[in-house]
Amino acid sequence: MAQHLQREIEQLKKKILALGATVEGSVHKAVNSVQHRDTDLANAVIDGDAAIDQAEVDLEEDCLKTLALHQPVAIDLRFIVAVLKINSDLERIGDLAANISERTVFLVTRQQIVAPFDLFGIAEKAQEMVRHSLDSLVNLDAALARQVCRMDDEVDTLNREAFARVKEAIRVEPEKVDILIAYLSVSRYLERIADHATNIAEDVIYMIEGTIARHRS
């Protein structure tokens, strides 16, 4: 029974890492679609979201079956609980990548202007957080997971600056309000991606140490 449980846990690990790689790729493609005004790339992300949704459902079912059949305890139980939560966060990141891609499709139909804030600085930080959160999962690295949690404040600050700059830009050029709001939406989606990466990092800490890291300074 114990060996069977360990085999199933290895399968869960492979599936969550495969989903993580897919989602990370979607975020990368979504950001590139904005940067290069590439609707083909944007549509590929949008079309690929259904496969991410299905993978999330399949993995959740696998986790629940393993819990029901084996009634794991201690670190095995923490691992499965963490995978359930990380699975949900990855699905949400996939949704947000699709939302960014939808903004690309809109922006391509409008006059090309430069975002009045460091959009790709925010994108770089958010993508780094996703990458590091998944690396912390692969390597069971609590220190790296804590680094991801600390980075979230930086992204929040950049997003607040973006809001202030867009507000000022709308005041100066109100005829561009729809374009500016679209750019602000992308910033907000990236900030939410960073939040989900933080959730993943907190779940990795829980998995490794058995302590709940949420709501701690």
C-alpha atoms as a PDB file:
ATOM      1  CA  MET A   1       0.000   0.000   0.000  1.00  0.00           C
ATOM      2  CA  ALA A   2       2.787   2.421   0.931  1.00  0.00           C
ATOM      3  CA  GLN A   3       4.635   1.797  -2.341  1.00  0.00           C
ATOM      4  CA  HIS A   4       1.405   2.284  -4.304  1.00  0.00           C
ATOM      5  CA  LEU A   5       0.848   5.620  -2.517  1.00  0.00           C
ATOM      6  CA  GLN A   6       4.385   6.759  -3.313  1.00  0.00           C
ATOM      7  CA  ARG A   7       3.893   5.876  -6.994  1.00  0.00           C
ATOM      8  CA  GLU A   8       0.699   7.936  -7.074  1.00  0.00           C
ATOM      9  CA  ILE A   9       2.422  10.846  -5.341  1.00  0.00           C
ATOM     10  CA  GLU A  10       5.179  10.733  -7.985  1.00  0.00           C
ATOM     11  CA  GLN A  11       2.510  10.861 -10.694  1.00  0.00           C
ATOM     12  CA  LEU A  12       0.852  13.845  -9.006  1.00  0.00           C
ATOM     13  CA  LYS A  13       4.232  15.576  -8.840  1.00  0.00           C
ATOM     14  CA  LYS A  14       4.852  15.010 -12.561  1.00  0.00           C
ATOM     15  CA  LYS A  15       1.401  16.307 -13.462  1.00  0.00           C
ATOM     16  CA  ILE A  16       1.600  19.477 -11.331  1.00  0.00           C
ATOM     17  CA  LEU A  17       5.048  20.281 -12.755  1.00  0.00           C
ATOM     18  CA  ALA A  18       3.812  19.699 -16.319  1.00  0.00           C
ATOM     19  CA  LEU A  19       0.849  22.003 -15.696  1.00  0.00           C
ATOM     20  CA  GLY A  20       3.195  24.583 -14.165  1.00  0.00           C
ATOM     21  CA  ALA A  21       5.414  24.523 -17.254  1.00  0.00           C
ATOM     22  CA  THR A  22       2.390  24.960 -19.542  1.00  0.00           C
ATOM     23  CA  VAL A  23       1.049  27.876 -17.509  1.00  0.00           C
ATOM     24  CA  GLU A  24       4.454  29.552 -17.304  1.00  0.00           C
ATOM     25  CA  GLY A  25       4.666  29.297 -21.097  1.00  0.00           C
ATOM     26  CA  SER A  26       1.212  30.875 -21.455  1.00  0.00           C
ATOM     27  CA  VAL A  27       2.218  33.865 -19.345  1.00  0.00           C
ATOM     28  CA  HIS A  28       5.410  34.307 -21.374  1.00  0.00           C
ATOM     29  CA  LYS A  29       3.490  34.167 -24.661  1.00  0.00           C
ATOM     30  CA  ALA A  30       0.807  36.559 -23.370  1.00  0.00           C
ATOM     31  CA  VAL A  31       3.412  39.157 -22.367  1.00  0.00           C
ATOM     32  CA  ASN A  32       5.175  38.790 -25.723  1.00  0.00           C
ATOM     33  CA  SER A  33       1.846  39.213 -27.519  1.00  0.00           C
ATOM     34  CA  VAL A  34       1.397  42.627 -25.869  1.00  0.00           C
ATOM     35  CA  GLN A  35       4.994  43.654 -26.448  1.00  0.00           C
ATOM     36  CA  HIS A  36       4.986  42.724 -30.142  1.00  0.00           C
ATOM     37  CA  ARG A  37       1.271  43.354 -30.863  1.00  0.00           C
ATOM     38  CA  ASP A  38       1.063  39.740 -32.013  1.00  0.00           C
ATOM     39  CA  THR A  39      -2.533  38.523 -32.326  1.00  0.00           C
ATOM     40  CA  ASP A  40      -1.468  35.030 -33.456  1.00  0.00           C
ATOM     41  CA  LEU A  41       0.409  34.568 -30.186  1.00  0.00           C
ATOM     42  CA  ALA A  42      -2.486  36.073 -28.228  1.00  0.00           C
ATOM     43  CA  ASN A  43      -5.027  33.759 -29.855  1.00  0.00           C
ATOM     44  CA  ALA A  44      -2.797  30.744 -29.195  1.00  0.00           C
ATOM     45  CA  VAL A  45      -2.888  31.571 -25.465  1.00  0.00           C
ATOM     46  CA  ILE A  46      -6.656  32.113 -25.497  1.00  0.00           C
ATOM     47  CA  ASP A  47      -7.250  28.856 -27.401  1.00  0.00           C
ATOM     48  CA  GLY A  48      -4.895  26.942 -25.076  1.00  0.00           C
ATOM     49  CA  ASP A  49      -6.753  27.939 -21.915  1.00  0.00           C
ATOM     50  CA  ALA A  50      -9.325  25.134 -22.264  1.00  0.00           C
ATOM     51  CA  ALA A  51      -6.548  22.512 -22.086  1.00  0.00           C
ATOM     52  CA  ILE A  52      -5.225  24.118 -18.874  1.00  0.00           C
ATOM     53  CA  ASP A  53      -8.736  24.060 -17.402  1.00  0.00           C
ATOM     54  CA  GLN A  54      -9.103  20.355 -18.241  1.00  0.00           C
ATOM     55  CA  ALA A  55      -5.681  19.518 -16.797  1.00  0.00           C
ATOM     56  CA  GLU A  56      -6.677  21.273 -13.568  1.00  0.00           C
ATOM     57  CA  VAL A  57      -9.894  19.228 -13.309  1.00  0.00           C
ATOM     58  CA  ASP A  58      -8.073  15.956 -14.033  1.00  0.00           C
ATOM     59  CA  LEU A  59      -5.383  16.658 -11.447  1.00  0.00           C
ATOM     60  CA  GLU A  60      -7.945  17.611  -8.797  1.00  0.00           C
ATOM     61  CA  GLU A  61      -9.757  14.314  -9.402  1.00  0.00           C
ATOM     62  CA  ASP A  62      -6.468  12.408  -9.076  1.00  0.00           C
ATOM     63  CA  CYS A  63      -5.699  14.137  -5.771  1.00  0.00           C
ATOM     64  CA  LEU A  64      -9.152  13.379  -4.361  1.00  0.00           C
ATOM     65  CA  LYS A  65      -8.908   9.720  -5.426  1.00  0.00           C
ATOM     66  CA  THR A  66      -5.520   9.398  -3.725  1.00  0.00           C
ATOM     67  CA  LEU A  67      -6.885  10.961  -0.539  1.00  0.00           C
ATOM     68  CA  ALA A  68      -9.904   8.649  -0.534  1.00  0.00           C
ATOM     69  CA  LEU A  69      -8.029   5.435  -1.331  1.00  0.00           C
ATOM     70  CA  HIS A  70      -4.914   5.835   0.801  1.00  0.00           C
ATOM     71  CA  GLN A  71      -5.867   8.269   3.596  1.00  0.00           C
ATOM     72  CA  PRO A  72      -2.301   9.630   3.723  1.00  0.00           C
ATOM     73  CA  VAL A  73      -0.859  11.337   6.807  1.00  0.00           C
ATOM     74  CA  ALA A  74       1.989  13.716   7.716  1.00  0.00           C
ATOM     75  CA  ILE A  75       4.135  14.899   4.775  1.00  0.00           C
ATOM     76  CA  ASP A  76       2.209  12.852   2.169  1.00  0.00           C
ATOM     77  CA  LEU A  77      -1.043  14.495   3.240  1.00  0.00           C
ATOM     78  CA  ARG A  78       0.557  17.949   3.198  1.00  0.00           C
ATOM     79  CA  PHE A  79       1.900  17.274  -0.290  1.00  0.00           C
ATOM     80  CA  ILE A  80      -1.504  16.332  -1.700  1.00  0.00           C
ATOM     81  CA  VAL A  81      -3.260  19.272   0.005  1.00  0.00           C
ATOM     82  CA  ALA A  82      -0.592  21.636  -1.364  1.00  0.00           C
ATOM     83  CA  VAL A  83      -0.938  20.175  -4.880  1.00  0.00           C
ATOM     84  CA  LEU A  84      -4.712  20.749  -4.761  1.00  0.00           C
ATOM     85  CA  LYS A  85      -4.174  24.407  -3.893  1.00  0.00           C
ATOM     86  CA  ILE A  86      -1.276  24.980  -6.300  1.00  0.00           C
ATOM     87  CA  ASN A  87      -3.348  23.353  -9.064  1.00  0.00           C
ATOM     88  CA  SER A  88      -6.090  25.933  -8.524  1.00  0.00           C
ATOM     89  CA  ASP A  89      -3.617  28.841  -8.535  1.00  0.00           C
ATOM     90  CA  LEU A  90      -2.029  27.618 -11.765  1.00  0.00           C
ATOM     91  CA  GLU A  91      -5.436  27.443 -13.442  1.00  0.00           C
ATOM     92  CA  ARG A  92      -6.118  31.039 -12.384  1.00  0.00           C
ATOM     93  CA  ILE A  93      -2.739  32.168 -13.742  1.00  0.00           C
ATOM     94  CA  GLY A  94      -3.699  30.522 -17.036  1.00  0.00           C
ATOM     95  CA  ASP A  95      -6.971  32.478 -17.039  1.00  0.00           C
ATOM     96  CA  LEU A  96      -5.085  35.716 -16.398  1.00  0.00           C
ATOM     97  CA  ALA A  97      -2.664  34.981 -19.246  1.00  0.00           C
ATOM     98  CA  ALA A  98      -5.727  34.590 -21.500  1.00  0.00           C
ATOM     99  CA  ASN A  99      -7.105  37.904 -20.182  1.00  0.00           C
ATOM    100  CA  ILE A 100      -3.824  39.642 -21.055  1.00  0.00           C
ATOM    101  CA  SER A 101      -4.011  38.122 -24.535  1.00  0.00           C
ATOM    102  CA  GLU A 102      -7.553  39.460 -24.959  1.00  0.00           C
ATOM    103  CA  ARG A 103      -6.198  42.941 -24.175  1.00  0.00           C
ATOM    104  CA  THR A 104      -3.600  42.399 -26.925  1.00  0.00           C
ATOM    105  CA  VAL A 105      -6.344  41.612 -29.440  1.00  0.00           C
ATOM    106  CA  PHE A 106      -8.062  44.872 -28.429  1.00  0.00           C
ATOM    107  CA  LEU A 107      -4.893  47.010 -28.432  1.00  0.00           C
ATOM    108  CA  VAL A 108      -3.927  45.900 -31.945  1.00  0.00           C
ATOM    109  CA  THR A 109      -7.144  47.525 -33.230  1.00  0.00           C
ATOM    110  CA  ARG A 110      -6.195  50.864 -31.669  1.00  0.00           C
ATOM    111  CA  GLN A 111      -3.519  53.505 -32.196  1.00  0.00           C
ATOM    112  CA  GLN A 112      -0.132  52.277 -31.022  1.00  0.00           C
ATOM    113  CA  ILE A 113       1.078  54.231 -27.993  1.00  0.00           C
ATOM    114  CA  VAL A 114       3.676  53.481 -25.339  1.00  0.00           C
ATOM    115  CA  ALA A 115       2.263  52.552 -21.931  1.00  0.00           C
ATOM    116  CA  PRO A 116       2.808  55.488 -19.533  1.00  0.00           C
ATOM    117  CA  PHE A 117       4.388  53.176 -16.943  1.00  0.00           C
ATOM    118  CA  ASP A 118       6.928  50.359 -16.825  1.00  0.00           C
ATOM    119  CA  LEU A 119       4.599  47.627 -18.094  1.00  0.00           C
ATOM    120  CA  PHE A 120       7.348  45.213 -19.008  1.00  0.00           C
ATOM    121  CA  GLY A 121       9.133  45.808 -15.705  1.00  0.00           C
ATOM    122  CA  ILE A 122       5.971  44.564 -13.980  1.00  0.00           C
ATOM    123  CA  ALA A 123       5.736  41.676 -16.464  1.00  0.00           C
ATOM    124  CA  GLU A 124       9.345  40.669 -15.838  1.00  0.00           C
ATOM    125  CA  LYS A 125       8.821  40.644 -12.052  1.00  0.00           C
ATOM    126  CA  ALA A 126       5.575  38.660 -12.280  1.00  0.00           C
ATOM    127  CA  GLN A 127       7.122  36.088 -14.611  1.00  0.00           C
ATOM    128  CA  GLU A 128      10.159  35.775 -12.336  1.00  0.00           C
ATOM    129  CA  MET A 129       7.834  35.107  -9.393  1.00  0.00           C
ATOM    130  CA  VAL A 130       5.988  32.364 -11.300  1.00  0.00           C
ATOM    131  CA  ARG A 131       9.289  30.790 -12.361  1.00  0.00           C
ATOM    132  CA  HIS A 132      10.785  30.914  -8.852  1.00  0.00           C
ATOM    133  CA  SER A 133       7.602  29.593  -7.216  1.00  0.00           C
ATOM    134  CA  LEU A 134       7.686  26.566  -9.530  1.00  0.00           C
ATOM    135  CA  ASP A 135      11.433  26.127  -8.977  1.00  0.00           C
ATOM    136  CA  SER A 136      10.824  26.150  -5.221  1.00  0.00           C
ATOM    137  CA  LEU A 137       8.272  23.368  -5.767  1.00  0.00           C
ATOM    138  CA  VAL A 138      10.623  21.280  -7.943  1.00  0.00           C
ATOM    139  CA  ASN A 139      13.533  21.642  -5.511  1.00  0.00           C
ATOM    140  CA  LEU A 140      11.489  21.789  -2.279  1.00  0.00           C
ATOM    141  CA  ASP A 141      13.298  25.061  -1.536  1.00  0.00           C
ATOM    142  CA  ALA A 142      11.592  27.012   1.267  1.00  0.00           C
ATOM    143  CA  ALA A 143      14.160  29.845   1.096  1.00  0.00           C
ATOM    144  CA  LEU A 144      13.353  30.470  -2.581  1.00  0.00           C
ATOM    145  CA  ALA A 145       9.636  30.306  -1.792  1.00  0.00           C
ATOM    146  CA  ARG A 146      10.101  33.003   0.869  1.00  0.00           C
ATOM    147  CA  GLN A 147      11.968  35.130  -1.682  1.00  0.00           C
ATOM    148  CA  VAL A 148       8.902  34.943  -3.950  1.00  0.00           C
ATOM    149  CA  CYS A 149       6.685  36.137  -1.078  1.00  0.00           C
ATOM    150  CA  ARG A 150       8.949  39.148  -0.527  1.00  0.00           C
ATOM    151  CA  MET A 151       8.859  40.067  -4.232  1.00  0.00           C
ATOM    152  CA  ASP A 152       5.076  40.478  -4.140  1.00  0.00           C
ATOM    153  CA  ASP A 153       5.376  43.865  -2.422  1.00  0.00           C
ATOM    154  CA  GLU A 154       7.526  45.130  -5.313  1.00  0.00           C
ATOM    155  CA  VAL A 155       4.881  44.177  -7.870  1.00  0.00           C
ATOM    156  CA  ASP A 156       2.137  45.787  -5.753  1.00  0.00           C
ATOM    157  CA  THR A 157       4.151  49.031  -5.660  1.00  0.00           C
ATOM    158  CA  LEU A 158       4.693  48.989  -9.432  1.00  0.00           C
ATOM    159  CA  ASN A 159       0.976  48.396 -10.003  1.00  0.00           C
ATOM    160  CA  ARG A 160       0.046  51.363  -7.785  1.00  0.00           C
ATOM    161  CA  GLU A 161       2.480  53.539  -9.738  1.00  0.00           C
ATOM    162  CA  ALA A 162       0.896  52.337 -12.976  1.00  0.00           C
ATOM    163  CA  PHE A 163      -2.548  53.376 -11.735  1.00  0.00           C
ATOM    164  CA  ALA A 164      -1.289  56.869 -10.823  1.00  0.00           C
ATOM    165  CA  ARG A 165       0.436  57.352 -14.176  1.00  0.00           C
ATOM    166  CA  VAL A 166      -2.549  56.136 -16.192  1.00  0.00           C
ATOM    167  CA  LYS A 167      -4.821  58.460 -14.223  1.00  0.00           C
ATOM    168  CA  GLU A 168      -2.555  61.393 -15.131  1.00  0.00           C
ATOM    169  CA  ALA A 169      -2.273  60.290 -18.778  1.00  0.00           C
ATOM    170  CA  ILE A 170      -6.082  60.145 -19.085  1.00  0.00           C
ATOM    171  CA  ARG A 171      -6.290  63.686 -17.717  1.00  0.00           C
ATOM    172  CA  VAL A 172      -3.798  64.914 -20.352  1.00  0.00           C
ATOM    173  CA  GLU A 173      -5.094  62.836 -23.301  1.00  0.00           C
ATOM    174  CA  PRO A 174      -8.700  61.807 -22.574  1.00  0.00           C
ATOM    175  CA  GLU A 175      -9.219  60.693 -26.194  1.00  0.00           C
ATOM    176  CA  LYS A 176      -6.882  57.742 -25.486  1.00  0.00           C
ATOM    177  CA  VAL A 177      -8.768  56.542 -22.425  1.00  0.00           C
ATOM    178  CA  ASP A 178      -9.708  53.127 -23.861  1.00  0.00           C
ATOM    179  CA  ILE A 179      -6.082  52.327 -24.794  1.00  0.00           C
ATOM    180  CA  LEU A 180      -4.768  53.518 -21.442  1.00  0.00           C
ATOM    181  CA  ILE A 181      -7.347  51.506 -19.504  1.00  0.00           C
ATOM    182  CA  ALA A 182      -6.405  48.407 -21.537  1.00  0.00           C
ATOM    183  CA  TYR A 183      -2.763  48.853 -20.523  1.00  0.00           C
ATOM    184  CA  LEU A 184      -3.816  49.331 -16.911  1.00  0.00           C
ATOM    185  CA  SER A 185      -5.846  46.108 -17.120  1.00  0.00           C
ATOM    186  CA  VAL A 186      -2.728  44.255 -18.245  1.00  0.00           C
ATOM    187  CA  SER A 187      -0.851  45.645 -15.238  1.00  0.00           C
ATOM    188  CA  ARG A 188      -3.645  44.532 -12.935  1.00  0.00           C
ATOM    189  CA  TYR A 189      -3.671  41.021 -14.443  1.00  0.00           C
ATOM    190  CA  LEU A 190       0.099  40.790 -13.931  1.00  0.00           C
ATOM    191  CA  GLU A 191      -0.307  41.885 -10.319  1.00  0.00           C
ATOM    192  CA  ARG A 192      -2.880  39.120  -9.828  1.00  0.00           C
ATOM    193  CA  ILE A 193      -0.480  36.597 -11.415  1.00  0.00           C
ATOM    194  CA  ALA A 194       2.115  37.692  -8.860  1.00  0.00           C
ATOM    195  CA  ASP A 195      -0.446  37.123  -6.086  1.00  0.00           C
ATOM    196  CA  HIS A 196      -1.073  33.569  -7.295  1.00  0.00           C
ATOM    197  CA  ALA A 197       2.684  32.921  -7.540  1.00  0.00           C
ATOM    198  CA  THR A 198       2.892  34.042  -3.899  1.00  0.00           C
ATOM    199  CA  ASN A 199       0.108  31.607  -2.987  1.00  0.00           C
ATOM    200  CA  ILE A 200       2.077  28.803  -4.653  1.00  0.00           C
ATOM    201  CA  ALA A 201       5.216  29.773  -2.733  1.00  0.00           C
ATOM    202  CA  GLU A 202       3.267  29.789   0.555  1.00  0.00           C
ATOM    203  CA  ASP A 203       1.915  26.323  -0.226  1.00  0.00           C
ATOM    204  CA  VAL A 204       5.448  25.076  -0.914  1.00  0.00           C
ATOM    205  CA  ILE A 205       6.486  26.353   2.527  1.00  0.00           C
ATOM    206  CA  TYR A 206       3.502  24.528   4.032  1.00  0.00           C
ATOM    207  CA  MET A 207       4.403  21.355   2.151  1.00  0.00           C
ATOM    208  CA  ILE A 208       8.013  21.424   3.378  1.00  0.00           C
ATOM    209  CA  GLU A 209       7.641  22.745   6.911  1.00  0.00           C
ATOM    210  CA  GLY A 210       4.038  22.093   7.868  1.00  0.00           C
ATOM    211  CA  THR A 211       3.562  25.770   8.776  1.00  0.00           C
ATOM    212  CA  ILE A 212       0.977  28.067   7.208  1.00  0.00           C
ATOM    213  CA  ALA A 213       2.792  31.124   5.819  1.00  0.00           C
ATOM    214  CA  ARG A 214      -0.223  33.230   4.830  1.00  0.00           C
ATOM    215  CA  HIS A 215      -0.900  36.572   6.545  1.00  0.00           C
ATOM    216  CA  ARG A 216       2.577  36.693   8.076  1.00  0.00           C
ATOM    217  CA  SER A 217       4.902  39.651   7.681  1.00  0.00           C
END
